[in-house]
PDB file of all heavy atoms in Angstrom:
ATOM      1  N   PHE A   1      97.358  98.826 113.768  1.00  0.00           N
ATOM      2  CA  PHE A   1      96.911  99.836 112.907  1.00  0.00           C
ATOM      3  C   PHE A   1      95.477 100.387 113.354  1.00  0.00           C
ATOM      4  O   PHE A   1      95.283 101.578 113.467  1.00  0.00           O
ATOM      5  CB  PHE A   1      96.741  99.184 111.354  1.00  0.00           C
ATOM      6  CG  PHE A   1      98.047  99.104 110.736  1.00  0.00           C
ATOM      7  CD1 PHE A   1      98.904  98.048 111.063  1.00  0.00           C
ATOM      8  CD2 PHE A   1      98.359 100.084 109.740  1.00  0.00           C
ATOM      9  CE1 PHE A   1     100.147  97.957 110.322  1.00  0.00           C
ATOM     10  CE2 PHE A   1      99.673  99.971 109.103  1.00  0.00           C
ATOM     11  CZ  PHE A   1     100.539  98.924 109.421  1.00  0.00           C
ATOM     12  N   ALA A   2      94.565  99.396 113.596  1.00  0.00           N
ATOM     13  CA  ALA A   2      93.322  99.847 114.047  1.00  0.00           C
ATOM     14  C   ALA A   2      93.265 100.446 115.519  1.00  0.00           C
ATOM     15  O   ALA A   2      92.640 101.457 115.837  1.00  0.00           O
ATOM     16  CB  ALA A   2      92.243  98.658 114.014  1.00  0.00           C
ATOM     17  N   GLN A   3      94.150  99.796 116.303  1.00  0.00           N
ATOM     18  CA  GLN A   3      94.219 100.380 117.717  1.00  0.00           C
ATOM     19  C   GLN A   3      94.766 101.775 117.817  1.00  0.00           C
ATOM     20  O   GLN A   3      94.352 102.584 118.578  1.00  0.00           O
ATOM     21  CB  GLN A   3      95.168  99.433 118.530  1.00  0.00           C
ATOM     22  CG  GLN A   3      94.773  98.006 118.774  1.00  0.00           C
ATOM     23  CD  GLN A   3      95.604  97.051 119.152  1.00  0.00           C
ATOM     24  OE1 GLN A   3      96.908  97.413 119.356  1.00  0.00           O
ATOM     25  NE2 GLN A   3      95.282  95.856 119.335  1.00  0.00           N
ATOM     26  N   LEU A   4      95.693 102.057 116.903  1.00  0.00           N
ATOM     27  CA  LEU A   4      96.230 103.408 116.816  1.00  0.00           C
ATOM     28  C   LEU A   4      95.427 104.431 115.880  1.00  0.00           C
ATOM     29  O   LEU A   4      95.828 105.584 115.771  1.00  0.00           O
ATOM     30  CB  LEU A   4      97.617 103.411 116.578  1.00  0.00           C
ATOM     31  CG  LEU A   4      98.635 102.688 117.427  1.00  0.00           C
ATOM     32  CD1 LEU A   4      99.972 102.496 116.901  1.00  0.00           C
ATOM     33  CD2 LEU A   4      98.762 103.451 118.714  1.00  0.00           C
ATOM     34  N   GLY A   5      94.507 103.814 115.179  1.00  0.00           N
ATOM     35  CA  GLY A   5      93.848 104.741 114.173  1.00  0.00           C
ATOM     36  C   GLY A   5      94.758 105.053 112.877  1.00  0.00           C
ATOM     37  O   GLY A   5      94.601 106.032 112.328  1.00  0.00           O
ATOM     38  N   VAL A   6      95.668 104.142 112.606  1.00  0.00           N
ATOM     39  CA  VAL A   6      96.547 104.412 111.598  1.00  0.00           C
ATOM     40  C   VAL A   6      96.078 103.714 110.322  1.00  0.00           C
ATOM     41  O   VAL A   6      95.611 102.524 110.284  1.00  0.00           O
ATOM     42  CB  VAL A   6      97.955 103.719 111.854  1.00  0.00           C
ATOM     43  CG1 VAL A   6      98.969 103.662 110.674  1.00  0.00           C
ATOM     44  CG2 VAL A   6      98.542 104.454 113.077  1.00  0.00           C
ATOM     45  N   ILE A   7      96.042 104.420 109.109  1.00  0.00           N
ATOM     46  CA  ILE A   7      95.620 103.872 107.901  1.00  0.00           C
ATOM     47  C   ILE A   7      96.628 103.054 107.122  1.00  0.00           C
ATOM     48  O   ILE A   7      97.759 103.631 107.242  1.00  0.00           O
ATOM     49  CB  ILE A   7      95.188 105.037 106.932  1.00  0.00           C
ATOM     50  CG1 ILE A   7      93.956 105.862 107.597  1.00  0.00           C
ATOM     51  CG2 ILE A   7      94.776 104.648 105.594  1.00  0.00           C
ATOM     52  CD1 ILE A   7      93.774 107.275 107.116  1.00  0.00           C
ATOM     53  N   ALA A   8      96.279 101.889 106.664  1.00  0.00           N
ATOM     54  CA  ALA A   8      97.224 101.145 105.784  1.00  0.00           C
ATOM     55  C   ALA A   8      97.087 101.489 104.318  1.00  0.00           C
ATOM     56  O   ALA A   8      96.078 101.246 103.720  1.00  0.00           O
ATOM     57  CB  ALA A   8      96.925  99.711 106.019  1.00  0.00           C
ATOM     58  N   SER A   9      97.978 102.318 103.937  1.00  0.00           N
ATOM     59  CA  SER A   9      97.873 102.867 102.448  1.00  0.00           C
ATOM     60  C   SER A   9      98.819 101.856 101.653  1.00  0.00           C
ATOM     61  O   SER A   9     100.005 101.937 101.633  1.00  0.00           O
ATOM     62  CB  SER A   9      98.438 104.267 102.331  1.00  0.00           C
ATOM     63  OG  SER A   9      98.535 104.713 101.041  1.00  0.00           O
ATOM     64  N   MET A  10      98.074 101.030 100.849  1.00  0.00           N
ATOM     65  CA  MET A  10      98.741  99.898 100.188  1.00  0.00           C
ATOM     66  C   MET A  10      98.318  99.954  98.620  1.00  0.00           C
ATOM     67  O   MET A  10      97.456 100.427  98.187  1.00  0.00           O
ATOM     68  CB  MET A  10      98.247  98.553 100.803  1.00  0.00           C
ATOM     69  CG  MET A  10      98.527  98.537 102.370  1.00  0.00           C
ATOM     70  SD  MET A  10      97.875  97.088 103.086  1.00  0.00           S
ATOM     71  CE  MET A  10      99.182  95.895 102.668  1.00  0.00           C
ATOM     72  N   GLN A  11      99.362  99.312  97.936  1.00  0.00           N
ATOM     73  CA  GLN A  11      99.186  99.182  96.441  1.00  0.00           C
ATOM     74  C   GLN A  11      99.260  97.830  96.036  1.00  0.00           C
ATOM     75  O   GLN A  11     100.358  97.136  96.008  1.00  0.00           O
ATOM     76  CB  GLN A  11     100.446 100.031  95.864  1.00  0.00           C
ATOM     77  CG  GLN A  11     100.633 101.453  96.279  1.00  0.00           C
ATOM     78  CD  GLN A  11     101.132 101.522  97.785  1.00  0.00           C
ATOM     79  OE1 GLN A  11     102.022 100.988  98.167  1.00  0.00           O
ATOM     80  NE2 GLN A  11     100.429 102.416  98.586  1.00  0.00           N
ATOM     81  N   PRO A  12      98.153  97.342  95.615  1.00  0.00           N
ATOM     82  CA  PRO A  12      97.972  95.919  95.185  1.00  0.00           C
ATOM     83  C   PRO A  12      98.999  95.369  94.092  1.00  0.00           C
ATOM     84  O   PRO A  12      99.387  94.160  94.214  1.00  0.00           O
ATOM     85  CB  PRO A  12      96.493  95.698  94.782  1.00  0.00           C
ATOM     86  CG  PRO A  12      95.732  96.755  95.579  1.00  0.00           C
ATOM     87  CD  PRO A  12      96.766  97.979  95.539  1.00  0.00           C
ATOM     88  N   SER A  13      99.293  96.300  93.191  1.00  0.00           N
ATOM     89  CA  SER A  13     100.206  95.849  92.220  1.00  0.00           C
ATOM     90  C   SER A  13     101.655  95.522  92.751  1.00  0.00           C
ATOM     91  O   SER A  13     102.350  94.657  92.091  1.00  0.00           O
ATOM     92  CB  SER A  13     100.303  96.895  91.067  1.00  0.00           C
ATOM     93  OG  SER A  13     100.800  98.150  91.609  1.00  0.00           O
ATOM     94  N   HIS A  14     101.924  96.043  93.757  1.00  0.00           N
ATOM     95  CA  HIS A  14     103.369  95.704  94.338  1.00  0.00           C
ATOM     96  C   HIS A  14     103.218  94.225  94.709  1.00  0.00           C
ATOM     97  O   HIS A  14     104.363  93.530  94.474  1.00  0.00           O
ATOM     98  CB  HIS A  14     103.569  96.436  95.646  1.00  0.00           C
ATOM     99  CG  HIS A  14     103.988  97.849  95.527  1.00  0.00           C
ATOM    100  ND1 HIS A  14     104.549  98.384  94.338  1.00  0.00           N
ATOM    101  CD2 HIS A  14     103.783  99.024  96.299  1.00  0.00           C
ATOM    102  CE1 HIS A  14     104.761  99.566  94.432  1.00  0.00           C
ATOM    103  NE2 HIS A  14     104.585 100.049  95.663  1.00  0.00           N
ATOM    104  N   ALA A  15     102.172  93.644  95.151  1.00  0.00           N
ATOM    105  CA  ALA A  15     102.171  92.212  95.412  1.00  0.00           C
ATOM    106  C   ALA A  15     102.386  91.343  94.241  1.00  0.00           C
ATOM    107  O   ALA A  15     103.342  90.437  94.246  1.00  0.00           O
ATOM    108  CB  ALA A  15     100.821  91.750  96.081  1.00  0.00           C
ATOM    109  N   ILE A  16     101.737  91.704  93.126  1.00  0.00           N
ATOM    110  CA  ILE A  16     101.827  90.792  91.954  1.00  0.00           C
ATOM    111  C   ILE A  16     103.098  90.941  91.171  1.00  0.00           C
ATOM    112  O   ILE A  16     103.522  90.188  90.396  1.00  0.00           O
ATOM    113  CB  ILE A  16     100.599  90.878  91.052  1.00  0.00           C
ATOM    114  CG1 ILE A  16     100.517  92.318  90.377  1.00  0.00           C
ATOM    115  CG2 ILE A  16      99.330  90.624  91.857  1.00  0.00           C
ATOM    116  CD1 ILE A  16      99.386  92.381  89.265  1.00  0.00           C
ATOM    117  N   GLY A  17     103.805  91.946  91.510  1.00  0.00           N
ATOM    118  CA  GLY A  17     105.218  92.251  91.019  1.00  0.00           C
ATOM    119  C   GLY A  17     106.157  91.612  91.864  1.00  0.00           C
ATOM    120  O   GLY A  17     107.150  90.920  91.400  1.00  0.00           O
ATOM    121  N   ASP A  18     106.114  91.849  93.161  1.00  0.00           N
ATOM    122  CA  ASP A  18     107.059  91.564  94.111  1.00  0.00           C
ATOM    123  C   ASP A  18     107.232  90.039  94.530  1.00  0.00           C
ATOM    124  O   ASP A  18     108.137  89.437  94.733  1.00  0.00           O
ATOM    125  CB  ASP A  18     107.008  92.268  95.441  1.00  0.00           C
ATOM    126  CG  ASP A  18     107.303  93.770  95.318  1.00  0.00           C
ATOM    127  OD1 ASP A  18     107.588  94.113  94.134  1.00  0.00           O
ATOM    128  OD2 ASP A  18     107.289  94.441  96.351  1.00  0.00           O
ATOM    129  N   LEU A  19     105.962  89.414  94.393  1.00  0.00           N
ATOM    130  CA  LEU A  19     105.910  87.917  94.896  1.00  0.00           C
ATOM    131  C   LEU A  19     106.580  87.028  93.895  1.00  0.00           C
ATOM    132  O   LEU A  19     106.793  85.873  94.126  1.00  0.00           O
ATOM    133  CB  LEU A  19     104.347  87.588  94.997  1.00  0.00           C
ATOM    134  CG  LEU A  19     103.739  88.232  96.391  1.00  0.00           C
ATOM    135  CD1 LEU A  19     102.241  87.969  96.369  1.00  0.00           C
ATOM    136  CD2 LEU A  19     104.420  87.506  97.564  1.00  0.00           C
ATOM    137  N   TYR A  20     107.120  87.504  92.738  1.00  0.00           N
ATOM    138  CA  TYR A  20     108.137  86.705  92.176  1.00  0.00           C
ATOM    139  C   TYR A  20     109.435  86.427  92.835  1.00  0.00           C
ATOM    140  O   TYR A  20     109.977  85.448  92.683  1.00  0.00           O
ATOM    141  CB  TYR A  20     108.298  87.289  90.637  1.00  0.00           C
ATOM    142  CG  TYR A  20     107.213  87.033  89.598  1.00  0.00           C
ATOM    143  CD1 TYR A  20     106.343  87.993  89.248  1.00  0.00           C
ATOM    144  CD2 TYR A  20     107.159  85.792  89.004  1.00  0.00           C
ATOM    145  CE1 TYR A  20     105.378  87.721  88.252  1.00  0.00           C
ATOM    146  CE2 TYR A  20     106.090  85.438  88.100  1.00  0.00           C
ATOM    147  CZ  TYR A  20     105.327  86.464  87.640  1.00  0.00           C
ATOM    148  OH  TYR A  20     104.324  86.208  86.833  1.00  0.00           O
ATOM    149  N   PHE A  21     109.884  87.544  93.376  1.00  0.00           N
ATOM    150  CA  PHE A  21     111.216  87.459  94.016  1.00  0.00           C
ATOM    151  C   PHE A  21     111.236  87.516  95.600  1.00  0.00           C
ATOM    152  O   PHE A  21     112.065  87.237  96.206  1.00  0.00           O
ATOM    153  CB  PHE A  21     112.124  88.584  93.535  1.00  0.00           C
ATOM    154  CG  PHE A  21     111.557  90.029  93.981  1.00  0.00           C
ATOM    155  CD1 PHE A  21     111.912  90.515  95.239  1.00  0.00           C
ATOM    156  CD2 PHE A  21     110.874  90.851  93.005  1.00  0.00           C
ATOM    157  CE1 PHE A  21     111.576  91.731  95.621  1.00  0.00           C
ATOM    158  CE2 PHE A  21     110.418  92.176  93.408  1.00  0.00           C
ATOM    159  CZ  PHE A  21     110.772  92.640  94.672  1.00  0.00           C
ATOM    160  N   ALA A  22     109.987  87.910  96.084  1.00  0.00           N
ATOM    161  CA  ALA A  22     109.941  87.969  97.618  1.00  0.00           C
ATOM    162  C   ALA A  22     110.259  86.720  98.350  1.00  0.00           C
ATOM    163  O   ALA A  22     110.950  86.848  99.407  1.00  0.00           O
ATOM    164  CB  ALA A  22     108.472  88.478  98.082  1.00  0.00           C
ATOM    165  N   PRO A  23     109.979  85.625  97.848  1.00  0.00           N
ATOM    166  CA  PRO A  23     110.338  84.419  98.434  1.00  0.00           C
ATOM    167  C   PRO A  23     111.850  84.263  98.624  1.00  0.00           C
ATOM    168  O   PRO A  23     112.334  83.780  99.694  1.00  0.00           O
ATOM    169  CB  PRO A  23     109.753  83.158  97.673  1.00  0.00           C
ATOM    170  CG  PRO A  23     108.657  83.896  96.972  1.00  0.00           C
ATOM    171  CD  PRO A  23     108.930  85.219  96.629  1.00  0.00           C
ATOM    172  N   LYS A  24     112.624  84.738  97.646  1.00  0.00           N
ATOM    173  CA  LYS A  24     114.094  84.604  97.746  1.00  0.00           C
ATOM    174  C   LYS A  24     114.545  85.558  98.833  1.00  0.00           C
ATOM    175  O   LYS A  24     115.543  85.331  99.517  1.00  0.00           O
ATOM    176  CB  LYS A  24     114.647  84.994  96.419  1.00  0.00           C
ATOM    177  CG  LYS A  24     114.414  84.007  95.260  1.00  0.00           C
ATOM    178  CD  LYS A  24     115.010  84.471  94.003  1.00  0.00           C
ATOM    179  CE  LYS A  24     114.545  83.577  92.870  1.00  0.00           C
ATOM    180  NZ  LYS A  24     115.118  84.076  91.537  1.00  0.00           N
ATOM    181  N   ARG A  25     113.885  86.843  98.871  1.00  0.00           N
ATOM    182  CA  ARG A  25     114.352  87.707  99.928  1.00  0.00           C
ATOM    183  C   ARG A  25     113.927  87.348 101.329  1.00  0.00           C
ATOM    184  O   ARG A  25     114.712  87.582 102.302  1.00  0.00           O
ATOM    185  CB  ARG A  25     113.668  89.051  99.511  1.00  0.00           C
ATOM    186  CG  ARG A  25     114.123  89.771  98.241  1.00  0.00           C
ATOM    187  CD  ARG A  25     115.405  90.352  98.253  1.00  0.00           C
ATOM    188  NE  ARG A  25     115.645  90.946  97.062  1.00  0.00           N
ATOM    189  CZ  ARG A  25     116.088  90.579  95.884  1.00  0.00           C
ATOM    190  NH1 ARG A  25     116.291  89.354  95.727  1.00  0.00           N
ATOM    191  NH2 ARG A  25     116.264  91.373  94.739  1.00  0.00           N
ATOM    192  N   LEU A  26     112.703  86.786 101.393  1.00  0.00           N
ATOM    193  CA  LEU A  26     112.048  86.705 102.773  1.00  0.00           C
ATOM    194  C   LEU A  26     111.987  85.270 103.314  1.00  0.00           C
ATOM    195  O   LEU A  26     111.976  84.991 104.488  1.00  0.00           O
ATOM    196  CB  LEU A  26     110.739  87.374 102.785  1.00  0.00           C
ATOM    197  CG  LEU A  26     110.537  88.801 102.421  1.00  0.00           C
ATOM    198  CD1 LEU A  26     109.148  89.093 102.398  1.00  0.00           C
ATOM    199  CD2 LEU A  26     111.321  89.619 103.538  1.00  0.00           C
ATOM    200  N   GLY A  27     111.871  84.318 102.459  1.00  0.00           N
ATOM    201  CA  GLY A  27     111.608  82.883 102.823  1.00  0.00           C
ATOM    202  C   GLY A  27     110.084  82.823 102.996  1.00  0.00           C
ATOM    203  O   GLY A  27     109.317  83.805 103.130  1.00  0.00           O
ATOM    204  N   SER A  28     109.553  81.584 102.855  1.00  0.00           N
ATOM    205  CA  SER A  28     108.043  81.407 102.857  1.00  0.00           C
ATOM    206  C   SER A  28     107.499  81.887 104.086  1.00  0.00           C
ATOM    207  O   SER A  28     106.271  82.303 104.152  1.00  0.00           O
ATOM    208  CB  SER A  28     107.790  79.891 102.506  1.00  0.00           C
ATOM    209  OG  SER A  28     108.278  79.513 101.277  1.00  0.00           O
ATOM    210  N   GLU A  29     108.050  81.718 105.290  1.00  0.00           N
ATOM    211  CA  GLU A  29     107.406  81.933 106.568  1.00  0.00           C
ATOM    212  C   GLU A  29     106.927  83.282 106.676  1.00  0.00           C
ATOM    213  O   GLU A  29     105.829  83.633 107.131  1.00  0.00           O
ATOM    214  CB  GLU A  29     108.345  81.495 107.719  1.00  0.00           C
ATOM    215  CG  GLU A  29     107.617  81.677 109.090  1.00  0.00           C
ATOM    216  CD  GLU A  29     108.530  81.223 110.214  1.00  0.00           C
ATOM    217  OE1 GLU A  29     109.479  80.501 109.970  1.00  0.00           O
ATOM    218  OE2 GLU A  29     108.119  81.418 111.336  1.00  0.00           O
ATOM    219  N   ARG A  30     107.816  84.291 106.349  1.00  0.00           N
ATOM    220  CA  ARG A  30     107.514  85.717 106.515  1.00  0.00           C
ATOM    221  C   ARG A  30     106.605  86.127 105.464  1.00  0.00           C
ATOM    222  O   ARG A  30     105.841  87.226 105.533  1.00  0.00           O
ATOM    223  CB  ARG A  30     108.788  86.598 106.412  1.00  0.00           C
ATOM    224  CG  ARG A  30     109.584  86.593 107.696  1.00  0.00           C
ATOM    225  CD  ARG A  30     110.774  87.561 107.557  1.00  0.00           C
ATOM    226  NE  ARG A  30     111.882  87.065 106.776  1.00  0.00           N
ATOM    227  CZ  ARG A  30     113.143  87.523 106.755  1.00  0.00           C
ATOM    228  NH1 ARG A  30     113.295  88.509 107.430  1.00  0.00           N
ATOM    229  NH2 ARG A  30     114.038  86.988 106.031  1.00  0.00           N
ATOM    230  N   LEU A  31     106.295  85.411 104.355  1.00  0.00           N
ATOM    231  CA  LEU A  31     105.306  85.849 103.363  1.00  0.00           C
ATOM    232  C   LEU A  31     103.861  85.740 103.834  1.00  0.00           C
ATOM    233  O   LEU A  31     103.077  86.375 103.275  1.00  0.00           O
ATOM    234  CB  LEU A  31     105.411  85.007 102.116  1.00  0.00           C
ATOM    235  CG  LEU A  31     106.642  85.197 101.300  1.00  0.00           C
ATOM    236  CD1 LEU A  31     106.835  84.141 100.213  1.00  0.00           C
ATOM    237  CD2 LEU A  31     106.672  86.524 100.740  1.00  0.00           C
ATOM    238  N   ALA A  32     103.603  85.040 104.970  1.00  0.00           N
ATOM    239  CA  ALA A  32     102.324  85.072 105.575  1.00  0.00           C
ATOM    240  C   ALA A  32     101.848  86.427 106.022  1.00  0.00           C
ATOM    241  O   ALA A  32     100.662  86.759 106.050  1.00  0.00           O
ATOM    242  CB  ALA A  32     102.223  84.053 106.644  1.00  0.00           C
ATOM    243  N   GLY A  33     102.820  87.370 106.314  1.00  0.00           N
ATOM    244  CA  GLY A  33     102.351  88.750 106.586  1.00  0.00           C
ATOM    245  C   GLY A  33     102.713  89.728 105.621  1.00  0.00           C
ATOM    246  O   GLY A  33     102.760  90.909 105.919  1.00  0.00           O
ATOM    247  N   ALA A  34     102.866  89.406 104.352  1.00  0.00           N
ATOM    248  CA  ALA A  34     103.264  90.144 103.316  1.00  0.00           C
ATOM    249  C   ALA A  34     102.119  90.715 102.599  1.00  0.00           C
ATOM    250  O   ALA A  34     101.260  89.652 102.048  1.00  0.00           O
ATOM    251  CB  ALA A  34     104.327  89.565 102.470  1.00  0.00           C
TER     252      ALA A  34
END
């Protein structure tokens, strides 16, 4: 992102809603980058 000058446009509320079900979708290992 920084190398290419790309902005990360992110929405914090997605995390506190999605993290209830994201472990089922992704497994714990991939959540480190979520």
